Amino acid sequence: MHTPGHTPEHVCLRVDEWFVLTGDTLFVGDVGRVDLSHGDDGQSPPVSQRAEQLYDSLQRLLSLPDWTEIYPGHYAGSVCGRGMDGKPVSTIGWERDRNKPLRLDRQQFVDFQCGNLPPLPKDFHRIKTRNLGQA
């Protein structure tokens, strides 16, 4: 499933309705950040647009059955979210009921994603440069 927001090219890998690898889109207790793919190339959409994309991507995930298991790319301690749980697995139904960002309407979600951003990781720019193969 193409799930832009965290990054423009982000995907989640769905295996029937049994489980989905959600990567950096949906975490246990949290959702992905939209400010980490900010590029200096002038081609990245603004953070508010990425927040809207992430909202839409999350709505597609929330259309899956409640019993669908999710396996995110990170859990507590990662800087890719704000309030991730330490559990490595959850279900769509559990997250729908307990994941605070998922209970926000579209505008509240965009405001949440664009406001009070956590600081970027200390070596963010070095990591990004390496990930893009420019190091």
Protein backbone atom coordinates (compact mmCIF):
# COMPACT_ATOMS: atom_id res chain seq x y z
CA MET A 1 0.00 0.00 0.00
CA HIS A 2 1.45 3.40 -0.95
CA THR A 3 1.30 5.39 2.30
CA PRO A 4 2.96 8.78 1.78
CA GLY A 5 3.43 11.18 4.65
CA HIS A 6 6.49 10.14 6.59
CA THR A 7 8.23 10.22 3.21
CA PRO A 8 6.68 10.69 -0.24
CA GLU A 9 7.64 7.16 -1.34
CA HIS A 10 6.70 5.31 1.86
CA VAL A 11 4.81 2.01 1.59
CA CYS A 12 3.23 -0.43 4.01
CA LEU A 13 3.38 -4.12 3.12
CA ARG A 14 0.01 -5.80 3.56
CA VAL A 15 -0.32 -9.58 3.77
CA ASP A 16 -4.00 -10.27 3.13
CA GLU A 17 -5.96 -8.88 6.08
CA TRP A 18 -3.87 -10.87 8.55
CA PHE A 19 -1.06 -8.36 9.09
CA VAL A 20 0.60 -5.26 7.70
CA LEU A 21 4.19 -4.06 8.05
CA THR A 22 3.53 -0.39 8.77
CA GLY A 23 7.12 0.87 8.75
CA ASP A 24 7.15 4.53 9.85
CA THR A 25 3.48 5.23 9.11
CA LEU A 26 1.78 3.67 12.14
CA PHE A 27 3.46 2.72 15.40
CA VAL A 28 2.08 1.15 18.56
CA GLY A 29 0.68 4.20 20.35
CA ASP A 30 1.85 6.77 17.82
CA VAL A 31 2.20 7.74 14.17
CA GLY A 32 5.20 8.68 12.07
CA ARG A 33 6.76 12.11 11.99
CA VAL A 34 6.44 14.15 8.81
CA ASP A 35 9.36 16.49 9.39
CA LEU A 36 12.18 13.96 9.05
CA SER A 37 12.08 13.83 5.26
CA HIS A 38 12.51 17.58 4.95
CA GLY A 39 14.87 18.10 2.08
CA ASP A 40 17.17 20.90 1.18
CA ASP A 41 16.52 20.17 -2.49
CA GLY A 42 13.33 22.26 -2.63
CA GLN A 43 11.39 19.28 -4.00
CA SER A 44 9.96 17.94 -0.74
CA PRO A 45 6.37 18.97 -0.04
CA PRO A 46 5.87 21.27 2.96
CA VAL A 47 5.35 19.63 6.35
CA SER A 48 1.64 20.53 6.38
CA GLN A 49 1.10 18.76 3.05
CA ARG A 50 2.98 15.70 4.29
CA ALA A 51 0.79 15.74 7.42
CA GLU A 52 -2.32 15.68 5.21
CA GLN A 53 -0.83 12.81 3.20
CA LEU A 54 -0.06 10.89 6.37
CA TYR A 55 -3.61 11.46 7.64
CA ASP A 56 -5.01 10.01 4.41
CA SER A 57 -2.58 7.07 4.57
CA LEU A 58 -3.62 6.32 8.14
CA GLN A 59 -7.29 6.40 7.14
CA ARG A 60 -6.55 3.70 4.55
CA LEU A 61 -4.87 1.59 7.23
CA LEU A 62 -7.82 2.16 9.58
CA SER A 63 -10.14 0.73 6.92
CA LEU A 64 -8.58 -2.70 7.55
CA PRO A 65 -10.37 -5.07 9.95
CA ASP A 66 -9.79 -4.44 13.65
CA TRP A 67 -8.05 -7.80 14.08
CA THR A 68 -5.39 -6.99 11.47
CA GLU A 69 -2.01 -7.08 13.21
CA ILE A 70 0.44 -4.23 12.69
CA TYR A 71 4.20 -4.57 12.80
CA PRO A 72 5.82 -1.12 12.85
CA GLY A 73 9.39 -0.29 11.94
CA HIS A 74 10.24 1.09 15.41
CA TYR A 75 9.06 1.11 18.99
CA ALA A 76 9.75 3.15 22.15
CA GLY A 77 13.06 4.98 22.08
CA SER A 78 13.05 5.84 18.39
CA VAL A 79 13.03 9.49 17.30
CA CYS A 80 10.67 8.62 14.42
CA GLY A 81 7.66 9.23 16.65
CA ARG A 82 6.68 11.09 19.79
CA GLY A 83 5.02 8.62 22.11
CA MET A 84 5.63 5.11 20.87
CA ASP A 85 4.89 2.15 23.09
CA GLY A 86 7.53 -0.45 23.81
CA LYS A 87 5.40 -3.22 22.33
CA PRO A 88 6.58 -4.37 18.90
CA VAL A 89 3.12 -5.44 17.64
CA SER A 90 -0.51 -4.32 17.90
CA THR A 91 -3.79 -4.48 15.96
CA ILE A 92 -5.73 -1.93 13.94
CA GLY A 93 -8.59 -2.09 16.47
CA TRP A 94 -6.31 -1.49 19.46
CA GLU A 95 -4.67 1.48 17.77
CA ARG A 96 -8.01 2.91 16.61
CA ASP A 97 -9.22 2.90 20.24
CA ARG A 98 -6.05 3.99 22.06
CA ASN A 99 -3.67 5.79 19.69
CA LYS A 100 -4.27 9.50 20.40
CA PRO A 101 -3.19 10.92 17.01
CA LEU A 102 -5.60 8.53 15.26
CA ARG A 103 -8.53 10.06 17.14
CA LEU A 104 -7.88 13.57 15.80
CA ASP A 105 -9.83 15.01 12.91
CA ARG A 106 -7.91 16.09 9.81
CA GLN A 107 -7.15 19.68 10.89
CA GLN A 108 -6.29 18.69 14.46
CA PHE A 109 -3.95 16.03 13.07
CA VAL A 110 -2.19 18.51 10.77
CA ASP A 111 -1.85 20.99 13.65
CA PHE A 112 -0.48 18.22 15.89
CA GLN A 113 2.06 17.09 13.28
CA CYS A 114 3.23 20.64 12.50
CA GLY A 115 3.37 21.99 16.05
CA ASN A 116 5.74 21.31 18.91
CA LEU A 117 8.02 19.20 16.76
CA PRO A 118 10.59 17.20 18.69
CA PRO A 119 14.18 18.15 17.92
CA LEU A 120 15.84 16.43 14.99
CA PRO A 121 18.31 13.71 15.93
CA LYS A 122 21.76 15.11 16.62
CA ASP A 123 23.30 13.54 13.52
CA PHE A 124 20.21 13.81 11.31
CA HIS A 125 21.85 15.54 8.34
CA ARG A 126 24.77 13.08 8.25
CA ILE A 127 22.38 10.12 8.38
CA LYS A 128 20.17 11.58 5.67
CA THR A 129 23.14 12.27 3.40
CA ARG A 130 24.35 8.68 3.82
CA ASN A 131 20.87 7.26 3.22
CA LEU A 132 20.69 9.17 -0.04
CA GLY A 133 24.03 7.72 -1.11
CA GLN A 134 25.75 11.10 -1.08
CA ALA A 135 28.47 10.24 1.43
